[in-house]
Amino acid sequence: MPSLPPPPGCAEGHWFQASGVGATTQRQSHRWPAETQRRGANLLVRDGRVEVEKHFDITAHESDLLIPRDATAITLSGSRPLLSCRVHYEQFKYPAYDVPVCEAFGSIYEVTFVALHPFVHMPQSLAWKTVQSYPDDQQILAEGRKCTWAEVYQQTGLNSCAKLNQALLASIGSIGKDLADPSGRSLLQQYLESEPVWMPTEGRFEPLLQMDMLAAFEAAGCSKAIFVPEFPETDEVKEFDVQQLKNHAVSFPSRGTLMPADASFLFTVDWDSFFTLFYGPRDLVTEVARSRNLEGFFAYPKMEHFWFNYSMGCATVTISPEHWPPVASPAL
């Protein structure tokens, strides 16, 4: 495969062709750490690039391949093939709260989509008034359907997704009294006790979003998914077969980050959140959000994790995909 020039808008040295476990080489726009140094006879650094000087196998040369933890992949040099490379997936855990979400992971992703976790509409036989017990995942997948935030905030009178997010966080006691909205929490509680609708469970890959997430892997032509746990320092990074996840042959990961081996996009969720961050190229993210009818919005510059907070200037208007204008790069 010949060397490729940087795409428009990507500076020299910020371009690489990514490869990883079970992945073919793909073009991706990423930044490469300037402090990377030559390590081992087969690696060379120049102009912000790491190149393979000759064919090698990582199993035999793993001691030579010491790429920094913030590195994501390496560049193929000329037409010389690459058998395998080591991607440090541990770096791809949920961003720190004090970092704008768009600037996480070294700002390597073009866009960040905030995918709101849907409320769960169930049959009356599984409503709170009937059973007063949260449905399990099997019941949700078999009988549940998505109920949008827009529908809930309109029926509760909360009037925005920011206020609804604040009420959800107050309902699980994850925000302080100075930020909590007791009246909003009460309005949400009254609604959930009177309708066959359950709130999403915080901090997990929601069952009703799992097929939507896997659709992104299929759209990108990725047959494997890498799962980075919430605490990768102690828990193991795992690889999953996308088709097995789709067929429920294996259990879907609960909380953390799900991404392809080449790190070209990812989904990540925090333990007290009612939304999942979807990072990646604008074309892919927009395609998946529209085709799967995801409710959410593109993160705006400097938006932080606590985007519901009006006092910090973080609240935003939410536009779900069916209301996006018919343009290539929808704006809020």
C-alpha atoms as a PDB file:
ATOM      1  CA  MET A   1       0.000   0.000   0.000  1.00  0.00           C
ATOM      2  CA  PRO A   2       1.571   3.328  -1.010  1.00  0.00           C
ATOM      3  CA  SER A   3       2.003   6.175   1.442  1.00  0.00           C
ATOM      4  CA  LEU A   4      -0.953   8.562   1.499  1.00  0.00           C
ATOM      5  CA  PRO A   5      -0.859  12.343   1.809  1.00  0.00           C
ATOM      6  CA  PRO A   6      -2.661  14.026   4.699  1.00  0.00           C
ATOM      7  CA  PRO A   7      -6.333  14.814   4.041  1.00  0.00           C
ATOM      8  CA  PRO A   8      -7.432  18.460   3.712  1.00  0.00           C
ATOM      9  CA  GLY A   9      -7.189  20.304   7.012  1.00  0.00           C
ATOM     10  CA  CYS A  10      -4.860  17.731   8.558  1.00  0.00           C
ATOM     11  CA  ALA A  11      -1.333  19.004   9.153  1.00  0.00           C
ATOM     12  CA  GLU A  12       1.704  16.984   8.165  1.00  0.00           C
ATOM     13  CA  GLY A  13       2.599  14.632  10.995  1.00  0.00           C
ATOM     14  CA  HIS A  14      -1.023  14.374  12.189  1.00  0.00           C
ATOM     15  CA  TRP A  15      -1.913  11.606   9.740  1.00  0.00           C
ATOM     16  CA  PHE A  16      -1.519   7.899  10.047  1.00  0.00           C
ATOM     17  CA  GLN A  17      -2.914   4.685   8.685  1.00  0.00           C
ATOM     18  CA  ALA A  18      -4.236   2.751  11.641  1.00  0.00           C
ATOM     19  CA  SER A  19      -4.092  -0.970  12.118  1.00  0.00           C
ATOM     20  CA  GLY A  20      -4.829  -3.213  15.066  1.00  0.00           C
ATOM     21  CA  VAL A  21      -6.024  -6.575  16.301  1.00  0.00           C
ATOM     22  CA  GLY A  22      -8.070  -8.174  13.541  1.00  0.00           C
ATOM     23  CA  ALA A  23      -8.309  -4.942  11.549  1.00  0.00           C
ATOM     24  CA  THR A  24      -7.264  -4.058   8.042  1.00  0.00           C
ATOM     25  CA  THR A  25      -5.402  -0.832   7.414  1.00  0.00           C
ATOM     26  CA  GLN A  26      -7.682   2.187   7.169  1.00  0.00           C
ATOM     27  CA  ARG A  27      -7.203   5.905   6.719  1.00  0.00           C
ATOM     28  CA  GLN A  28      -7.851   7.883   9.864  1.00  0.00           C
ATOM     29  CA  SER A  29      -7.025  11.416  10.969  1.00  0.00           C
ATOM     30  CA  HIS A  30      -5.292  11.477  14.336  1.00  0.00           C
ATOM     31  CA  ARG A  31      -2.609  13.428  16.136  1.00  0.00           C
ATOM     32  CA  TRP A  32       0.662  11.718  16.967  1.00  0.00           C
ATOM     33  CA  PRO A  33       2.589  12.567  20.167  1.00  0.00           C
ATOM     34  CA  ALA A  34       5.639  14.696  19.415  1.00  0.00           C
ATOM     35  CA  GLU A  35       7.662  13.111  22.219  1.00  0.00           C
ATOM     36  CA  THR A  36       7.580   9.631  20.666  1.00  0.00           C
ATOM     37  CA  GLN A  37      11.109   8.265  20.248  1.00  0.00           C
ATOM     38  CA  ARG A  38      12.744   5.477  18.321  1.00  0.00           C
ATOM     39  CA  ARG A  39      12.378   2.180  20.177  1.00  0.00           C
ATOM     40  CA  GLY A  40      13.693  -1.045  18.678  1.00  0.00           C
ATOM     41  CA  ALA A  41      15.393  -1.815  15.379  1.00  0.00           C
ATOM     42  CA  ASN A  42      12.169  -1.813  13.386  1.00  0.00           C
ATOM     43  CA  LEU A  43      10.711   1.549  14.351  1.00  0.00           C
ATOM     44  CA  LEU A  44      11.645   5.009  13.122  1.00  0.00           C
ATOM     45  CA  VAL A  45      10.239   8.410  14.035  1.00  0.00           C
ATOM     46  CA  ARG A  46      10.402  11.426  11.743  1.00  0.00           C
ATOM     47  CA  ASP A  47       8.168  14.408  11.079  1.00  0.00           C
ATOM     48  CA  GLY A  48       5.751  13.319  13.763  1.00  0.00           C
ATOM     49  CA  ARG A  49       5.315   9.870  12.215  1.00  0.00           C
ATOM     50  CA  VAL A  50       6.204   6.421  13.447  1.00  0.00           C
ATOM     51  CA  GLU A  51       7.068   4.078  10.603  1.00  0.00           C
ATOM     52  CA  VAL A  52       7.804   0.385  10.286  1.00  0.00           C
ATOM     53  CA  GLU A  53      11.112  -0.139   8.514  1.00  0.00           C
ATOM     54  CA  LYS A  54      10.471  -3.780   7.769  1.00  0.00           C
ATOM     55  CA  HIS A  55       7.955  -6.545   8.261  1.00  0.00           C
ATOM     56  CA  PHE A  56       7.799  -7.792  11.837  1.00  0.00           C
ATOM     57  CA  ASP A  57       5.558  -9.745  14.173  1.00  0.00           C
ATOM     58  CA  ILE A  58       4.664  -8.210  17.534  1.00  0.00           C
ATOM     59  CA  THR A  59       4.774 -11.535  19.356  1.00  0.00           C
ATOM     60  CA  ALA A  60       8.440 -11.933  18.484  1.00  0.00           C
ATOM     61  CA  HIS A  61       9.374  -8.271  18.959  1.00  0.00           C
ATOM     62  CA  GLU A  62       7.054  -7.071  21.699  1.00  0.00           C
ATOM     63  CA  SER A  63       9.979  -5.914  23.842  1.00  0.00           C
ATOM     64  CA  ASP A  64      11.060  -3.587  21.029  1.00  0.00           C
ATOM     65  CA  LEU A  65       7.617  -2.082  20.479  1.00  0.00           C
ATOM     66  CA  LEU A  66       7.349   0.388  23.342  1.00  0.00           C
ATOM     67  CA  ILE A  67       4.964   3.055  22.085  1.00  0.00           C
ATOM     68  CA  PRO A  68       3.787   5.666  24.654  1.00  0.00           C
ATOM     69  CA  ARG A  69       0.409   5.136  26.310  1.00  0.00           C
ATOM     70  CA  ASP A  70      -1.099   8.077  24.419  1.00  0.00           C
ATOM     71  CA  ALA A  71      -0.117   6.654  21.044  1.00  0.00           C
ATOM     72  CA  THR A  72      -2.884   5.076  19.021  1.00  0.00           C
ATOM     73  CA  ALA A  73      -1.240   3.412  16.022  1.00  0.00           C
ATOM     74  CA  ILE A  74       1.688   3.521  13.633  1.00  0.00           C
ATOM     75  CA  THR A  75       2.187   4.469   9.987  1.00  0.00           C
ATOM     76  CA  LEU A  76       3.023   2.036   7.254  1.00  0.00           C
ATOM     77  CA  SER A  77       6.118   3.103   5.340  1.00  0.00           C
ATOM     78  CA  GLY A  78       5.844   2.883   1.568  1.00  0.00           C
ATOM     79  CA  SER A  79       4.545  -0.500   0.451  1.00  0.00           C
ATOM     80  CA  ARG A  80       5.979  -2.496   3.345  1.00  0.00           C
ATOM     81  CA  PRO A  81       3.242  -4.507   5.097  1.00  0.00           C
ATOM     82  CA  LEU A  82       2.420  -4.504   8.796  1.00  0.00           C
ATOM     83  CA  LEU A  83       1.426  -7.739  10.486  1.00  0.00           C
ATOM     84  CA  SER A  84       0.249  -6.265  13.755  1.00  0.00           C
ATOM     85  CA  CYS A  85       0.680  -3.335  16.092  1.00  0.00           C
ATOM     86  CA  ARG A  86      -0.152  -2.555  19.686  1.00  0.00           C
ATOM     87  CA  VAL A  87      -2.819   0.019  20.440  1.00  0.00           C
ATOM     88  CA  HIS A  88      -2.939   1.200  24.046  1.00  0.00           C
ATOM     89  CA  TYR A  89      -6.686   1.024  24.494  1.00  0.00           C
ATOM     90  CA  GLU A  90      -6.482   1.864  28.202  1.00  0.00           C
ATOM     91  CA  GLN A  91      -6.251   5.548  27.298  1.00  0.00           C
ATOM     92  CA  PHE A  92      -9.763   5.504  25.845  1.00  0.00           C
ATOM     93  CA  LYS A  93     -11.726   5.502  29.081  1.00  0.00           C
ATOM     94  CA  TYR A  94     -14.370   8.153  29.755  1.00  0.00           C
ATOM     95  CA  PRO A  95     -12.893  11.692  29.697  1.00  0.00           C
ATOM     96  CA  ALA A  96     -12.148  13.637  32.847  1.00  0.00           C
ATOM     97  CA  TYR A  97     -15.000  15.904  33.921  1.00  0.00           C
ATOM     98  CA  ASP A  98     -12.934  19.091  33.729  1.00  0.00           C
ATOM     99  CA  VAL A  99     -11.951  18.541  30.087  1.00  0.00           C
ATOM    100  CA  PRO A 100     -14.317  19.706  27.331  1.00  0.00           C
ATOM    101  CA  VAL A 101     -15.657  16.530  25.754  1.00  0.00           C
ATOM    102  CA  CYS A 102     -14.575  17.596  22.258  1.00  0.00           C
ATOM    103  CA  GLU A 103     -10.990  17.983  23.454  1.00  0.00           C
ATOM    104  CA  ALA A 104     -10.772  14.527  25.006  1.00  0.00           C
ATOM    105  CA  PHE A 105      -8.367  11.919  23.608  1.00  0.00           C
ATOM    106  CA  GLY A 106      -6.092  14.644  22.294  1.00  0.00           C
ATOM    107  CA  SER A 107      -8.844  16.128  20.095  1.00  0.00           C
ATOM    108  CA  ILE A 108      -8.300  13.340  17.566  1.00  0.00           C
ATOM    109  CA  TYR A 109     -11.996  12.913  16.726  1.00  0.00           C
ATOM    110  CA  GLU A 110     -13.815  15.174  14.321  1.00  0.00           C
ATOM    111  CA  VAL A 111     -17.124  15.279  16.198  1.00  0.00           C
ATOM    112  CA  THR A 112     -18.735  14.138  19.434  1.00  0.00           C
ATOM    113  CA  PHE A 113     -22.392  13.160  19.463  1.00  0.00           C
ATOM    114  CA  VAL A 114     -24.217  13.058  22.801  1.00  0.00           C
ATOM    115  CA  ALA A 115     -26.573  10.075  22.459  1.00  0.00           C
ATOM    116  CA  LEU A 116     -29.331  10.351  25.042  1.00  0.00           C
ATOM    117  CA  HIS A 117     -30.346   7.091  26.711  1.00  0.00           C
ATOM    118  CA  PRO A 118     -33.975   6.454  25.837  1.00  0.00           C
ATOM    119  CA  PHE A 119     -36.667   6.000  28.431  1.00  0.00           C
ATOM    120  CA  VAL A 120     -38.210   2.537  28.261  1.00  0.00           C
ATOM    121  CA  HIS A 121     -41.881   2.182  27.313  1.00  0.00           C
ATOM    122  CA  MET A 122     -43.212  -1.185  28.509  1.00  0.00           C
ATOM    123  CA  PRO A 123     -46.600  -2.933  28.367  1.00  0.00           C
ATOM    124  CA  GLN A 124     -49.012  -2.087  31.172  1.00  0.00           C
ATOM    125  CA  SER A 125     -48.315  -5.499  32.668  1.00  0.00           C
ATOM    126  CA  LEU A 126     -44.753  -4.344  33.372  1.00  0.00           C
ATOM    127  CA  ALA A 127     -45.542  -0.766  34.375  1.00  0.00           C
ATOM    128  CA  TRP A 128     -44.612   0.587  37.791  1.00  0.00           C
ATOM    129  CA  LYS A 129     -48.272   0.650  38.861  1.00  0.00           C
ATOM    130  CA  THR A 130     -48.499  -3.064  38.149  1.00  0.00           C
ATOM    131  CA  VAL A 131     -45.220  -4.617  39.292  1.00  0.00           C
ATOM    132  CA  GLN A 132     -43.199  -1.841  41.009  1.00  0.00           C
ATOM    133  CA  SER A 133     -40.089  -3.681  39.874  1.00  0.00           C
ATOM    134  CA  TYR A 134     -37.687  -2.536  37.175  1.00  0.00           C
ATOM    135  CA  PRO A 135     -37.782  -4.827  34.117  1.00  0.00           C
ATOM    136  CA  ASP A 136     -34.699  -6.915  33.444  1.00  0.00           C
ATOM    137  CA  ASP A 137     -32.679  -6.616  30.264  1.00  0.00           C
ATOM    138  CA  GLN A 138     -34.376  -9.589  28.619  1.00  0.00           C
ATOM    139  CA  GLN A 139     -37.808  -8.038  29.191  1.00  0.00           C
ATOM    140  CA  ILE A 140     -36.608  -4.674  27.896  1.00  0.00           C
ATOM    141  CA  LEU A 141     -35.192  -6.215  24.723  1.00  0.00           C
ATOM    142  CA  ALA A 142     -38.256  -8.395  24.149  1.00  0.00           C
ATOM    143  CA  GLU A 143     -41.082  -5.979  24.998  1.00  0.00           C
ATOM    144  CA  GLY A 144     -39.653  -2.514  25.476  1.00  0.00           C
ATOM    145  CA  ARG A 145     -39.506   0.341  23.012  1.00  0.00           C
ATOM    146  CA  LYS A 146     -37.750   3.673  23.051  1.00  0.00           C
ATOM    147  CA  CYS A 147     -39.466   6.666  24.585  1.00  0.00           C
ATOM    148  CA  THR A 148     -37.671   9.918  23.711  1.00  0.00           C
ATOM    149  CA  TRP A 149     -36.515  12.593  26.075  1.00  0.00           C
ATOM    150  CA  ALA A 150     -38.499  15.096  24.017  1.00  0.00           C
ATOM    151  CA  GLU A 151     -41.707  13.175  24.729  1.00  0.00           C
ATOM    152  CA  VAL A 152     -40.931  12.942  28.444  1.00  0.00           C
ATOM    153  CA  TYR A 153     -39.937  16.570  28.988  1.00  0.00           C
ATOM    154  CA  GLN A 154     -42.994  17.755  27.086  1.00  0.00           C
ATOM    155  CA  GLN A 155     -45.339  15.600  29.178  1.00  0.00           C
ATOM    156  CA  THR A 156     -43.658  16.507  32.459  1.00  0.00           C
ATOM    157  CA  GLY A 157     -43.388  20.216  31.735  1.00  0.00           C
ATOM    158  CA  LEU A 158     -39.611  20.209  32.220  1.00  0.00           C
ATOM    159  CA  ASN A 159     -39.319  21.872  28.793  1.00  0.00           C
ATOM    160  CA  SER A 160     -35.775  20.860  27.830  1.00  0.00           C
ATOM    161  CA  CYS A 161     -33.364  17.941  27.809  1.00  0.00           C
ATOM    162  CA  ALA A 162     -31.038  19.909  30.070  1.00  0.00           C
ATOM    163  CA  LYS A 163     -33.732  20.163  32.749  1.00  0.00           C
ATOM    164  CA  LEU A 164     -34.677  16.516  32.282  1.00  0.00           C
ATOM    165  CA  ASN A 165     -31.036  15.461  32.675  1.00  0.00           C
ATOM    166  CA  GLN A 166     -30.877  17.505  35.873  1.00  0.00           C
ATOM    167  CA  ALA A 167     -34.015  15.779  37.179  1.00  0.00           C
ATOM    168  CA  LEU A 168     -32.618  12.338  36.332  1.00  0.00           C
ATOM    169  CA  LEU A 169     -29.371  13.052  38.157  1.00  0.00           C
ATOM    170  CA  ALA A 170     -31.311  14.368  41.166  1.00  0.00           C
ATOM    171  CA  SER A 171     -33.395  11.184  41.209  1.00  0.00           C
ATOM    172  CA  ILE A 172     -30.298   9.041  41.834  1.00  0.00           C
ATOM    173  CA  GLY A 173     -28.670  11.558  44.199  1.00  0.00           C
ATOM    174  CA  SER A 174     -25.617  12.131  42.021  1.00  0.00           C
ATOM    175  CA  ILE A 175     -25.591  15.945  42.195  1.00  0.00           C
ATOM    176  CA  GLY A 176     -25.417  18.250  45.182  1.00  0.00           C
ATOM    177  CA  LYS A 177     -28.312  20.210  46.611  1.00  0.00           C
ATOM    178  CA  ASP A 178     -26.995  23.410  45.048  1.00  0.00           C
ATOM    179  CA  LEU A 179     -27.476  21.914  41.569  1.00  0.00           C
ATOM    180  CA  ALA A 180     -30.422  19.606  42.170  1.00  0.00           C
ATOM    181  CA  ASP A 181     -33.933  20.535  41.066  1.00  0.00           C
ATOM    182  CA  PRO A 182     -36.368  19.021  43.610  1.00  0.00           C
ATOM    183  CA  SER A 183     -39.452  20.219  41.749  1.00  0.00           C
ATOM    184  CA  GLY A 184     -38.174  18.720  38.492  1.00  0.00           C
ATOM    185  CA  ARG A 185     -37.408  15.468  40.258  1.00  0.00           C
ATOM    186  CA  SER A 186     -40.979  15.368  41.621  1.00  0.00           C
ATOM    187  CA  LEU A 187     -42.472  16.040  38.190  1.00  0.00           C
ATOM    188  CA  LEU A 188     -40.438  13.189  36.734  1.00  0.00           C
ATOM    189  CA  GLN A 189     -41.413  10.830  39.562  1.00  0.00           C
ATOM    190  CA  GLN A 190     -45.105  11.594  39.101  1.00  0.00           C
ATOM    191  CA  TYR A 191     -44.854  10.894  35.392  1.00  0.00           C
ATOM    192  CA  LEU A 192     -43.030   7.583  35.827  1.00  0.00           C
ATOM    193  CA  GLU A 193     -45.488   6.381  38.456  1.00  0.00           C
ATOM    194  CA  SER A 194     -48.482   7.139  36.248  1.00  0.00           C
ATOM    195  CA  GLU A 195     -47.241   5.946  32.828  1.00  0.00           C
ATOM    196  CA  PRO A 196     -45.900   2.585  31.593  1.00  0.00           C
ATOM    197  CA  VAL A 197     -42.492   4.212  31.170  1.00  0.00           C
ATOM    198  CA  TRP A 198     -39.280   3.537  33.067  1.00  0.00           C
ATOM    199  CA  MET A 199     -36.305   5.856  33.290  1.00  0.00           C
ATOM    200  CA  PRO A 200     -33.042   4.563  31.819  1.00  0.00           C
ATOM    201  CA  THR A 201     -30.534   2.990  34.156  1.00  0.00           C
ATOM    202  CA  GLU A 202     -27.575   5.273  34.786  1.00  0.00           C
ATOM    203  CA  GLY A 203     -24.045   4.512  33.688  1.00  0.00           C
ATOM    204  CA  ARG A 204     -24.391   1.624  31.278  1.00  0.00           C
ATOM    205  CA  PHE A 205     -24.774   0.783  27.607  1.00  0.00           C
ATOM    206  CA  GLU A 206     -28.557   0.845  27.463  1.00  0.00           C
ATOM    207  CA  PRO A 207     -30.127  -2.345  26.043  1.00  0.00           C
ATOM    208  CA  LEU A 208     -32.261  -0.344  23.602  1.00  0.00           C
ATOM    209  CA  LEU A 209     -29.135   1.356  22.224  1.00  0.00           C
ATOM    210  CA  GLN A 210     -26.954  -1.715  21.854  1.00  0.00           C
ATOM    211  CA  MET A 211     -28.064  -2.595  18.310  1.00  0.00           C
ATOM    212  CA  ASP A 212     -27.583   1.047  17.315  1.00  0.00           C
ATOM    213  CA  MET A 213     -24.002   0.925  18.551  1.00  0.00           C
ATOM    214  CA  LEU A 214     -23.295  -2.290  16.686  1.00  0.00           C
ATOM    215  CA  ALA A 215     -24.725  -0.686  13.547  1.00  0.00           C
ATOM    216  CA  ALA A 216     -21.821   1.761  13.667  1.00  0.00           C
ATOM    217  CA  PHE A 217     -19.352  -1.140  13.543  1.00  0.00           C
ATOM    218  CA  GLU A 218     -21.191  -2.649  10.586  1.00  0.00           C
ATOM    219  CA  ALA A 219     -21.303   0.698   8.784  1.00  0.00           C
ATOM    220  CA  ALA A 220     -17.539   1.022   9.263  1.00  0.00           C
ATOM    221  CA  GLY A 221     -16.902  -2.555   8.138  1.00  0.00           C
ATOM    222  CA  CYS A 222     -15.567  -3.649  11.530  1.00  0.00           C
ATOM    223  CA  SER A 223     -16.213  -7.232  12.619  1.00  0.00           C
ATOM    224  CA  LYS A 224     -14.496  -6.920  16.013  1.00  0.00           C
ATOM    225  CA  ALA A 225     -15.120  -4.578  18.940  1.00  0.00           C
ATOM    226  CA  ILE A 226     -12.660  -3.684  21.681  1.00  0.00           C
ATOM    227  CA  PHE A 227     -14.130  -3.131  25.131  1.00  0.00           C
ATOM    228  CA  VAL A 228     -12.227  -0.874  27.512  1.00  0.00           C
ATOM    229  CA  PRO A 229     -13.615  -1.283  31.060  1.00  0.00           C
ATOM    230  CA  GLU A 230     -14.283   1.633  33.366  1.00  0.00           C
ATOM    231  CA  PHE A 231     -11.120   0.815  35.319  1.00  0.00           C
ATOM    232  CA  PRO A 232      -8.644  -0.534  32.750  1.00  0.00           C
ATOM    233  CA  GLU A 233      -5.862  -0.276  35.308  1.00  0.00           C
ATOM    234  CA  THR A 234      -7.352  -3.282  37.106  1.00  0.00           C
ATOM    235  CA  ASP A 235      -9.834  -4.849  34.666  1.00  0.00           C
ATOM    236  CA  GLU A 236      -8.939  -6.495  31.387  1.00  0.00           C
ATOM    237  CA  VAL A 237      -9.454  -4.962  27.947  1.00  0.00           C
ATOM    238  CA  LYS A 238     -11.406  -7.492  25.880  1.00  0.00           C
ATOM    239  CA  GLU A 239     -12.165  -8.150  22.232  1.00  0.00           C
ATOM    240  CA  PHE A 240     -15.682  -9.133  21.111  1.00  0.00           C
ATOM    241  CA  ASP A 241     -17.064 -10.460  17.873  1.00  0.00           C
ATOM    242  CA  VAL A 242     -19.680  -7.973  16.638  1.00  0.00           C
ATOM    243  CA  GLN A 243     -21.930 -10.673  15.197  1.00  0.00           C
ATOM    244  CA  GLN A 244     -21.901 -12.609  18.469  1.00  0.00           C
ATOM    245  CA  LEU A 245     -22.909  -9.450  20.335  1.00  0.00           C
ATOM    246  CA  LYS A 246     -25.664  -8.845  17.812  1.00  0.00           C
ATOM    247  CA  ASN A 247     -26.981 -12.405  18.162  1.00  0.00           C
ATOM    248  CA  HIS A 248     -26.724 -12.257  21.986  1.00  0.00           C
ATOM    249  CA  ALA A 249     -24.331 -15.205  21.882  1.00  0.00           C
ATOM    250  CA  VAL A 250     -22.204 -13.300  24.395  1.00  0.00           C
ATOM    251  CA  SER A 251     -23.218 -10.751  26.995  1.00  0.00           C
ATOM    252  CA  PHE A 252     -22.980  -7.105  25.994  1.00  0.00           C
ATOM    253  CA  PRO A 253     -20.427  -5.127  28.048  1.00  0.00           C
ATOM    254  CA  SER A 254     -22.017  -3.018  30.740  1.00  0.00           C
ATOM    255  CA  ARG A 255     -20.035   0.203  31.169  1.00  0.00           C
ATOM    256  CA  GLY A 256     -16.853   1.658  29.712  1.00  0.00           C
ATOM    257  CA  THR A 257     -15.789   2.223  26.100  1.00  0.00           C
ATOM    258  CA  LEU A 258     -16.557   0.228  22.964  1.00  0.00           C
ATOM    259  CA  MET A 259     -14.459   0.847  19.863  1.00  0.00           C
ATOM    260  CA  PRO A 260     -12.966  -0.821  16.771  1.00  0.00           C
ATOM    261  CA  ALA A 261      -9.385  -2.013  16.834  1.00  0.00           C
ATOM    262  CA  ASP A 262      -8.196   0.939  14.754  1.00  0.00           C
ATOM    263  CA  ALA A 263      -9.671   3.486  17.229  1.00  0.00           C
ATOM    264  CA  SER A 264     -11.433   5.299  14.378  1.00  0.00           C
ATOM    265  CA  PHE A 265     -14.560   5.885  16.491  1.00  0.00           C
ATOM    266  CA  LEU A 266     -15.819   4.970  19.937  1.00  0.00           C
ATOM    267  CA  PHE A 267     -18.745   4.926  22.343  1.00  0.00           C
ATOM    268  CA  THR A 268     -18.097   5.720  25.995  1.00  0.00           C
ATOM    269  CA  VAL A 269     -20.388   6.059  29.017  1.00  0.00           C
ATOM    270  CA  ASP A 270     -19.759   7.283  32.548  1.00  0.00           C
ATOM    271  CA  TRP A 271     -21.040   5.554  35.673  1.00  0.00           C
ATOM    272  CA  ASP A 272     -23.651   8.193  36.670  1.00  0.00           C
ATOM    273  CA  SER A 273     -24.650   9.324  33.185  1.00  0.00           C
ATOM    274  CA  PHE A 274     -27.834   9.041  31.176  1.00  0.00           C
ATOM    275  CA  PHE A 275     -26.070   9.585  27.864  1.00  0.00           C
ATOM    276  CA  THR A 276     -23.311   7.977  25.821  1.00  0.00           C
ATOM    277  CA  LEU A 277     -20.635   9.939  23.970  1.00  0.00           C
ATOM    278  CA  PHE A 278     -20.150   8.860  20.349  1.00  0.00           C
ATOM    279  CA  TYR A 279     -16.806  10.051  18.927  1.00  0.00           C
ATOM    280  CA  GLY A 280     -15.752   9.701  15.311  1.00  0.00           C
ATOM    281  CA  PRO A 281     -15.718  11.118  11.790  1.00  0.00           C
ATOM    282  CA  ARG A 282     -18.665  13.414  11.097  1.00  0.00           C
ATOM    283  CA  ASP A 283     -19.888  11.382   8.117  1.00  0.00           C
ATOM    284  CA  LEU A 284     -20.009   8.130  10.069  1.00  0.00           C
ATOM    285  CA  VAL A 285     -21.522   9.624  13.212  1.00  0.00           C
ATOM    286  CA  THR A 286     -24.176  11.493  11.235  1.00  0.00           C
ATOM    287  CA  GLU A 287     -25.004   8.424   9.146  1.00  0.00           C
ATOM    288  CA  VAL A 288     -25.457   6.203  12.203  1.00  0.00           C
ATOM    289  CA  ALA A 289     -27.416   8.803  14.186  1.00  0.00           C
ATOM    290  CA  ARG A 290     -29.812   9.423  11.314  1.00  0.00           C
ATOM    291  CA  SER A 291     -30.252   5.834  10.145  1.00  0.00           C
ATOM    292  CA  ARG A 292     -30.775   4.580  13.710  1.00  0.00           C
ATOM    293  CA  ASN A 293     -32.870   7.593  14.733  1.00  0.00           C
ATOM    294  CA  LEU A 294     -30.701   8.373  17.738  1.00  0.00           C
ATOM    295  CA  GLU A 295     -31.901  11.193  19.936  1.00  0.00           C
ATOM    296  CA  GLY A 296     -29.122  13.549  20.885  1.00  0.00           C
ATOM    297  CA  PHE A 297     -26.971  16.441  19.731  1.00  0.00           C
ATOM    298  CA  PHE A 298     -23.467  17.285  18.575  1.00  0.00           C
ATOM    299  CA  ALA A 299     -21.330  18.539  21.442  1.00  0.00           C
ATOM    300  CA  TYR A 300     -20.430  22.190  21.055  1.00  0.00           C
ATOM    301  CA  PRO A 301     -16.949  23.658  21.709  1.00  0.00           C
ATOM    302  CA  LYS A 302     -15.981  23.728  25.378  1.00  0.00           C
ATOM    303  CA  MET A 303     -19.020  21.680  26.428  1.00  0.00           C
ATOM    304  CA  GLU A 304     -18.200  19.693  29.541  1.00  0.00           C
ATOM    305  CA  HIS A 305     -19.651  16.588  31.150  1.00  0.00           C
ATOM    306  CA  PHE A 306     -22.144  18.597  33.220  1.00  0.00           C
ATOM    307  CA  TRP A 307     -23.821  20.106  30.169  1.00  0.00           C
ATOM    308  CA  PHE A 308     -27.154  20.408  32.001  1.00  0.00           C
ATOM    309  CA  ASN A 309     -25.823  23.144  34.276  1.00  0.00           C
ATOM    310  CA  TYR A 310     -27.164  26.560  33.312  1.00  0.00           C
ATOM    311  CA  SER A 311     -25.050  28.349  35.931  1.00  0.00           C
ATOM    312  CA  MET A 312     -21.904  27.122  34.163  1.00  0.00           C
ATOM    313  CA  GLY A 313     -23.224  28.047  30.740  1.00  0.00           C
ATOM    314  CA  CYS A 314     -23.356  24.384  29.757  1.00  0.00           C
ATOM    315  CA  ALA A 315     -27.035  23.867  28.965  1.00  0.00           C
ATOM    316  CA  THR A 316     -27.862  23.337  25.300  1.00  0.00           C
ATOM    317  CA  VAL A 317     -30.799  22.922  22.968  1.00  0.00           C
ATOM    318  CA  THR A 318     -31.216  19.316  21.918  1.00  0.00           C
ATOM    319  CA  ILE A 319     -32.171  18.447  18.376  1.00  0.00           C
ATOM    320  CA  SER A 320     -32.938  14.840  17.539  1.00  0.00           C
ATOM    321  CA  PRO A 321     -31.964  13.541  14.088  1.00  0.00           C
ATOM    322  CA  GLU A 322     -35.446  13.665  12.580  1.00  0.00           C
ATOM    323  CA  HIS A 323     -35.424  17.433  13.084  1.00  0.00           C
ATOM    324  CA  TRP A 324     -31.960  18.061  11.634  1.00  0.00           C
ATOM    325  CA  PRO A 325     -31.808  20.292   8.566  1.00  0.00           C
ATOM    326  CA  PRO A 326     -30.982  18.374   5.346  1.00  0.00           C
ATOM    327  CA  VAL A 327     -27.345  19.479   5.086  1.00  0.00           C
ATOM    328  CA  ALA A 328     -24.070  17.593   5.181  1.00  0.00           C
ATOM    329  CA  SER A 329     -22.931  19.165   8.459  1.00  0.00           C
ATOM    330  CA  PRO A 330     -25.972  19.908  10.635  1.00  0.00           C
ATOM    331  CA  ALA A 331     -25.527  22.701  13.124  1.00  0.00           C
ATOM    332  CA  LEU A 332     -27.350  23.291  16.364  1.00  0.00           C
END
